[in-house]
Amino acid sequence: MSVLVAFSVTPIGAGEDVGKLVAEAVRVVRASGLPNRTDAMFTTVEGDDWDEVMAVVKDAVAAVEARCGRVSLVLKADIREGGGGRMEAKVATVERHLE
């Protein structure tokens, strides 16, 4: 199975400059060892197991929550049969069509 989860953690009540708090979530994701990518809006994590990926999301939210009493979470998941490497493969397919 391949599980892709794109999520965004937003500290609530921490003012406009939340980069330091969001970095705590990204730090957790990167320490997980799972393939991941962070852009301006979301962090995407890829794994072979739903529980494995969701544990990373839960820990990332907890890292922000520990520094800010309220957190908003937006999550989008793509679960399908097959192996990993879909994060790069999906982008490569679009790029191929753009050529």
N, C-alpha and C. Protein backbone atom coordinates (compact mmCIF):
# COMPACT_ATOMS: atom_id res chain seq x y z
N MET A 1 0.85 -1.17 0.00
CA MET A 1 0.00 0.00 0.00
C MET A 1 0.90 1.23 0.00
N SER A 2 0.42 2.29 -0.61
CA SER A 2 1.12 3.56 -0.62
C SER A 2 0.19 4.63 -0.05
N VAL A 3 0.69 5.37 0.91
CA VAL A 3 -0.10 6.41 1.56
C VAL A 3 0.62 7.73 1.40
N LEU A 4 -0.04 8.70 0.77
CA LEU A 4 0.46 10.07 0.68
C LEU A 4 -0.46 10.94 1.50
N VAL A 5 0.10 11.72 2.40
CA VAL A 5 -0.69 12.65 3.20
C VAL A 5 -0.06 14.03 3.09
N ALA A 6 -0.86 14.98 2.63
CA ALA A 6 -0.45 16.39 2.61
C ALA A 6 -1.19 17.06 3.75
N PHE A 7 -0.44 17.76 4.59
CA PHE A 7 -1.10 18.41 5.72
C PHE A 7 -0.48 19.77 6.02
N SER A 8 -1.28 20.58 6.67
CA SER A 8 -0.87 21.91 7.08
C SER A 8 -1.26 22.10 8.54
N VAL A 9 -0.31 22.49 9.35
CA VAL A 9 -0.54 22.77 10.76
C VAL A 9 -0.41 24.27 10.97
N THR A 10 -1.45 24.89 11.51
CA THR A 10 -1.43 26.32 11.76
C THR A 10 -1.65 26.60 13.24
N PRO A 11 -0.67 27.24 13.89
CA PRO A 11 -0.87 27.65 15.28
C PRO A 11 -1.91 28.76 15.33
N ILE A 12 -2.85 28.66 16.23
CA ILE A 12 -3.90 29.67 16.39
C ILE A 12 -3.57 30.52 17.62
N GLY A 13 -3.66 31.82 17.46
CA GLY A 13 -3.41 32.73 18.58
C GLY A 13 -1.95 33.05 18.81
N ALA A 14 -1.10 32.72 17.83
CA ALA A 14 0.34 32.94 17.98
C ALA A 14 0.82 34.14 17.17
N GLY A 15 -0.12 34.91 16.61
CA GLY A 15 0.26 36.06 15.81
C GLY A 15 0.48 35.67 14.36
N GLU A 16 1.00 36.63 13.58
CA GLU A 16 1.20 36.40 12.15
C GLU A 16 2.45 35.61 11.83
N ASP A 17 3.51 35.79 12.58
CA ASP A 17 4.77 35.12 12.30
C ASP A 17 4.81 33.77 12.99
N VAL A 18 4.37 32.74 12.27
CA VAL A 18 4.27 31.40 12.86
C VAL A 18 5.33 30.45 12.33
N GLY A 19 6.28 30.97 11.56
CA GLY A 19 7.30 30.12 10.95
C GLY A 19 8.08 29.28 11.94
N LYS A 20 8.41 29.86 13.08
CA LYS A 20 9.18 29.12 14.09
C LYS A 20 8.38 27.93 14.63
N LEU A 21 7.08 28.14 14.82
CA LEU A 21 6.23 27.06 15.33
C LEU A 21 5.99 25.99 14.25
N VAL A 22 5.76 26.41 13.03
CA VAL A 22 5.57 25.46 11.94
C VAL A 22 6.84 24.64 11.72
N ALA A 23 7.99 25.26 11.91
CA ALA A 23 9.26 24.53 11.77
C ALA A 23 9.34 23.36 12.75
N GLU A 24 8.71 23.47 13.89
CA GLU A 24 8.69 22.35 14.84
C GLU A 24 7.97 21.14 14.24
N ALA A 25 6.89 21.38 13.52
CA ALA A 25 6.17 20.29 12.86
C ALA A 25 7.02 19.68 11.75
N VAL A 26 7.66 20.52 10.96
CA VAL A 26 8.50 20.03 9.86
C VAL A 26 9.69 19.24 10.41
N ARG A 27 10.23 19.68 11.53
CA ARG A 27 11.35 18.97 12.16
C ARG A 27 10.94 17.53 12.50
N VAL A 28 9.74 17.36 13.03
CA VAL A 28 9.23 16.03 13.37
C VAL A 28 9.10 15.17 12.11
N VAL A 29 8.57 15.75 11.06
CA VAL A 29 8.39 15.01 9.80
C VAL A 29 9.75 14.55 9.26
N ARG A 30 10.71 15.45 9.23
CA ARG A 30 12.02 15.10 8.69
C ARG A 30 12.72 14.05 9.54
N ALA A 31 12.53 14.11 10.84
CA ALA A 31 13.15 13.13 11.74
C ALA A 31 12.51 11.74 11.60
N SER A 32 11.32 11.68 11.01
CA SER A 32 10.63 10.39 10.88
C SER A 32 11.34 9.44 9.92
N GLY A 33 12.12 9.99 9.00
CA GLY A 33 12.79 9.15 8.02
C GLY A 33 11.93 8.81 6.82
N LEU A 34 10.66 9.18 6.83
CA LEU A 34 9.79 8.92 5.69
C LEU A 34 10.04 9.95 4.60
N PRO A 35 9.85 9.59 3.34
CA PRO A 35 9.97 10.57 2.26
C PRO A 35 9.00 11.72 2.53
N ASN A 36 9.47 12.95 2.33
CA ASN A 36 8.61 14.10 2.60
C ASN A 36 9.05 15.29 1.76
N ARG A 37 8.16 16.23 1.65
CA ARG A 37 8.42 17.47 0.91
C ARG A 37 7.60 18.58 1.57
N THR A 38 8.21 19.72 1.78
CA THR A 38 7.51 20.88 2.34
C THR A 38 7.53 22.00 1.32
N ASP A 39 6.35 22.60 1.10
CA ASP A 39 6.28 23.79 0.25
C ASP A 39 5.60 24.91 1.04
N ALA A 40 5.21 25.95 0.37
CA ALA A 40 4.65 27.12 1.05
C ALA A 40 3.32 26.85 1.74
N MET A 41 2.61 25.82 1.33
CA MET A 41 1.28 25.58 1.87
C MET A 41 1.12 24.27 2.65
N PHE A 42 1.86 23.22 2.25
CA PHE A 42 1.67 21.91 2.86
C PHE A 42 2.99 21.18 3.03
N THR A 43 2.97 20.19 3.91
CA THR A 43 4.04 19.21 3.99
C THR A 43 3.42 17.88 3.58
N THR A 44 4.07 17.18 2.67
CA THR A 44 3.58 15.88 2.20
C THR A 44 4.51 14.80 2.73
N VAL A 45 3.91 13.75 3.24
CA VAL A 45 4.64 12.60 3.78
C VAL A 45 4.16 11.36 3.05
N GLU A 46 5.09 10.46 2.74
CA GLU A 46 4.74 9.22 2.04
C GLU A 46 5.20 8.02 2.86
N GLY A 47 4.34 7.02 2.95
CA GLY A 47 4.70 5.80 3.66
C GLY A 47 3.96 4.61 3.11
N ASP A 48 4.27 3.44 3.65
CA ASP A 48 3.66 2.20 3.20
C ASP A 48 2.46 1.80 4.04
N ASP A 49 2.19 2.54 5.10
CA ASP A 49 1.18 2.13 6.06
C ASP A 49 0.46 3.36 6.60
N TRP A 50 -0.86 3.29 6.62
CA TRP A 50 -1.69 4.39 7.10
C TRP A 50 -1.30 4.81 8.53
N ASP A 51 -1.14 3.84 9.43
CA ASP A 51 -0.82 4.15 10.83
C ASP A 51 0.53 4.83 10.96
N GLU A 52 1.50 4.39 10.16
CA GLU A 52 2.85 4.96 10.18
C GLU A 52 2.81 6.45 9.81
N VAL A 53 2.11 6.77 8.74
CA VAL A 53 2.06 8.16 8.27
C VAL A 53 1.25 9.02 9.23
N MET A 54 0.12 8.51 9.69
CA MET A 54 -0.71 9.30 10.60
C MET A 54 -0.02 9.53 11.96
N ALA A 55 0.84 8.62 12.38
CA ALA A 55 1.60 8.83 13.62
C ALA A 55 2.53 10.03 13.47
N VAL A 56 3.11 10.19 12.28
CA VAL A 56 3.99 11.34 12.02
C VAL A 56 3.17 12.63 12.06
N VAL A 57 2.00 12.62 11.43
CA VAL A 57 1.14 13.80 11.45
C VAL A 57 0.75 14.14 12.89
N LYS A 58 0.36 13.14 13.65
CA LYS A 58 -0.04 13.36 15.05
C LYS A 58 1.11 13.95 15.86
N ASP A 59 2.30 13.43 15.68
CA ASP A 59 3.46 13.94 16.41
C ASP A 59 3.82 15.36 15.98
N ALA A 60 3.65 15.67 14.70
CA ALA A 60 3.92 17.02 14.21
C ALA A 60 2.94 18.02 14.81
N VAL A 61 1.67 17.65 14.87
CA VAL A 61 0.67 18.51 15.49
C VAL A 61 0.98 18.70 16.98
N ALA A 62 1.36 17.63 17.66
CA ALA A 62 1.67 17.71 19.09
C ALA A 62 2.86 18.63 19.36
N ALA A 63 3.83 18.64 18.44
CA ALA A 63 5.01 19.50 18.61
C ALA A 63 4.61 20.97 18.57
N VAL A 64 3.67 21.32 17.71
CA VAL A 64 3.20 22.70 17.63
C VAL A 64 2.29 23.01 18.82
N GLU A 65 1.43 22.09 19.14
CA GLU A 65 0.49 22.26 20.25
C GLU A 65 1.22 22.48 21.58
N ALA A 66 2.38 21.88 21.73
CA ALA A 66 3.15 22.03 22.96
C ALA A 66 3.62 23.47 23.16
N ARG A 67 3.72 24.24 22.08
CA ARG A 67 4.19 25.63 22.16
C ARG A 67 3.07 26.64 21.96
N CYS A 68 1.89 26.14 21.59
CA CYS A 68 0.75 27.00 21.31
C CYS A 68 -0.50 26.21 21.68
N GLY A 69 -1.36 26.76 22.47
CA GLY A 69 -2.49 26.01 23.00
C GLY A 69 -3.55 25.57 22.00
N ARG A 70 -3.53 26.13 20.79
CA ARG A 70 -4.56 25.79 19.82
C ARG A 70 -3.94 25.63 18.44
N VAL A 71 -4.36 24.57 17.73
CA VAL A 71 -3.78 24.24 16.43
C VAL A 71 -4.89 23.89 15.45
N SER A 72 -4.76 24.38 14.22
CA SER A 72 -5.66 24.00 13.14
C SER A 72 -4.91 23.03 12.23
N LEU A 73 -5.59 21.96 11.79
CA LEU A 73 -4.98 20.96 10.92
C LEU A 73 -5.84 20.78 9.67
N VAL A 74 -5.21 20.90 8.51
CA VAL A 74 -5.85 20.58 7.23
C VAL A 74 -5.09 19.38 6.68
N LEU A 75 -5.83 18.36 6.23
CA LEU A 75 -5.19 17.13 5.79
C LEU A 75 -5.88 16.59 4.54
N LYS A 76 -5.07 16.13 3.60
CA LYS A 76 -5.57 15.47 2.40
C LYS A 76 -4.76 14.20 2.22
N ALA A 77 -5.43 13.07 1.96
CA ALA A 77 -4.73 11.79 1.84
C ALA A 77 -5.08 11.10 0.54
N ASP A 78 -4.10 10.35 0.01
CA ASP A 78 -4.26 9.52 -1.18
C ASP A 78 -3.74 8.14 -0.81
N ILE A 79 -4.63 7.19 -0.71
CA ILE A 79 -4.28 5.83 -0.30
C ILE A 79 -4.57 4.90 -1.47
N ARG A 80 -3.57 4.11 -1.84
CA ARG A 80 -3.80 3.18 -2.95
C ARG A 80 -2.86 1.99 -2.87
N GLU A 81 -3.23 0.96 -3.59
CA GLU A 81 -2.38 -0.22 -3.69
C GLU A 81 -1.12 0.15 -4.46
N GLY A 82 -0.06 -0.55 -4.20
CA GLY A 82 1.18 -0.32 -4.94
C GLY A 82 2.27 0.19 -4.02
N GLY A 83 3.43 0.35 -4.59
CA GLY A 83 4.60 0.74 -3.82
C GLY A 83 4.74 2.25 -3.67
N GLY A 84 5.84 2.63 -3.07
CA GLY A 84 6.13 4.03 -2.81
C GLY A 84 6.69 4.75 -4.02
N GLY A 85 7.26 5.90 -3.76
CA GLY A 85 7.84 6.71 -4.82
C GLY A 85 6.82 7.53 -5.58
N ARG A 86 5.60 7.58 -5.08
CA ARG A 86 4.54 8.28 -5.80
C ARG A 86 4.68 9.79 -5.71
N MET A 87 5.32 10.30 -4.67
CA MET A 87 5.47 11.74 -4.54
C MET A 87 6.23 12.29 -5.75
N GLU A 88 7.31 11.64 -6.12
CA GLU A 88 8.08 12.07 -7.28
C GLU A 88 7.40 11.67 -8.59
N ALA A 89 6.82 10.49 -8.63
CA ALA A 89 6.21 9.99 -9.86
C ALA A 89 5.04 10.85 -10.32
N LYS A 90 4.23 11.30 -9.38
CA LYS A 90 3.07 12.12 -9.75
C LYS A 90 3.51 13.44 -10.36
N VAL A 91 4.52 14.05 -9.79
CA VAL A 91 5.04 15.31 -10.32
C VAL A 91 5.69 15.08 -11.67
N ALA A 92 6.44 14.00 -11.81
CA ALA A 92 7.11 13.69 -13.07
C ALA A 92 6.10 13.50 -14.20
N THR A 93 4.97 12.89 -13.91
CA THR A 93 3.93 12.70 -14.92
C THR A 93 3.42 14.04 -15.43
N VAL A 94 3.15 14.95 -14.52
CA VAL A 94 2.67 16.27 -14.93
C VAL A 94 3.73 17.00 -15.75
N GLU A 95 4.98 16.94 -15.29
CA GLU A 95 6.08 17.61 -16.02
C GLU A 95 6.22 17.04 -17.43
N ARG A 96 6.06 15.72 -17.57
CA ARG A 96 6.16 15.09 -18.88
C ARG A 96 5.08 15.64 -19.82
N HIS A 97 3.88 15.85 -19.28
CA HIS A 97 2.79 16.37 -20.10
C HIS A 97 2.98 17.85 -20.44
N LEU A 98 3.76 18.54 -19.67
CA LEU A 98 4.04 19.96 -19.93
C LEU A 98 5.07 20.16 -21.02
N GLU A 99 5.87 19.14 -21.30
CA GLU A 99 6.92 19.25 -22.31
C GLU A 99 6.37 19.32 -23.71
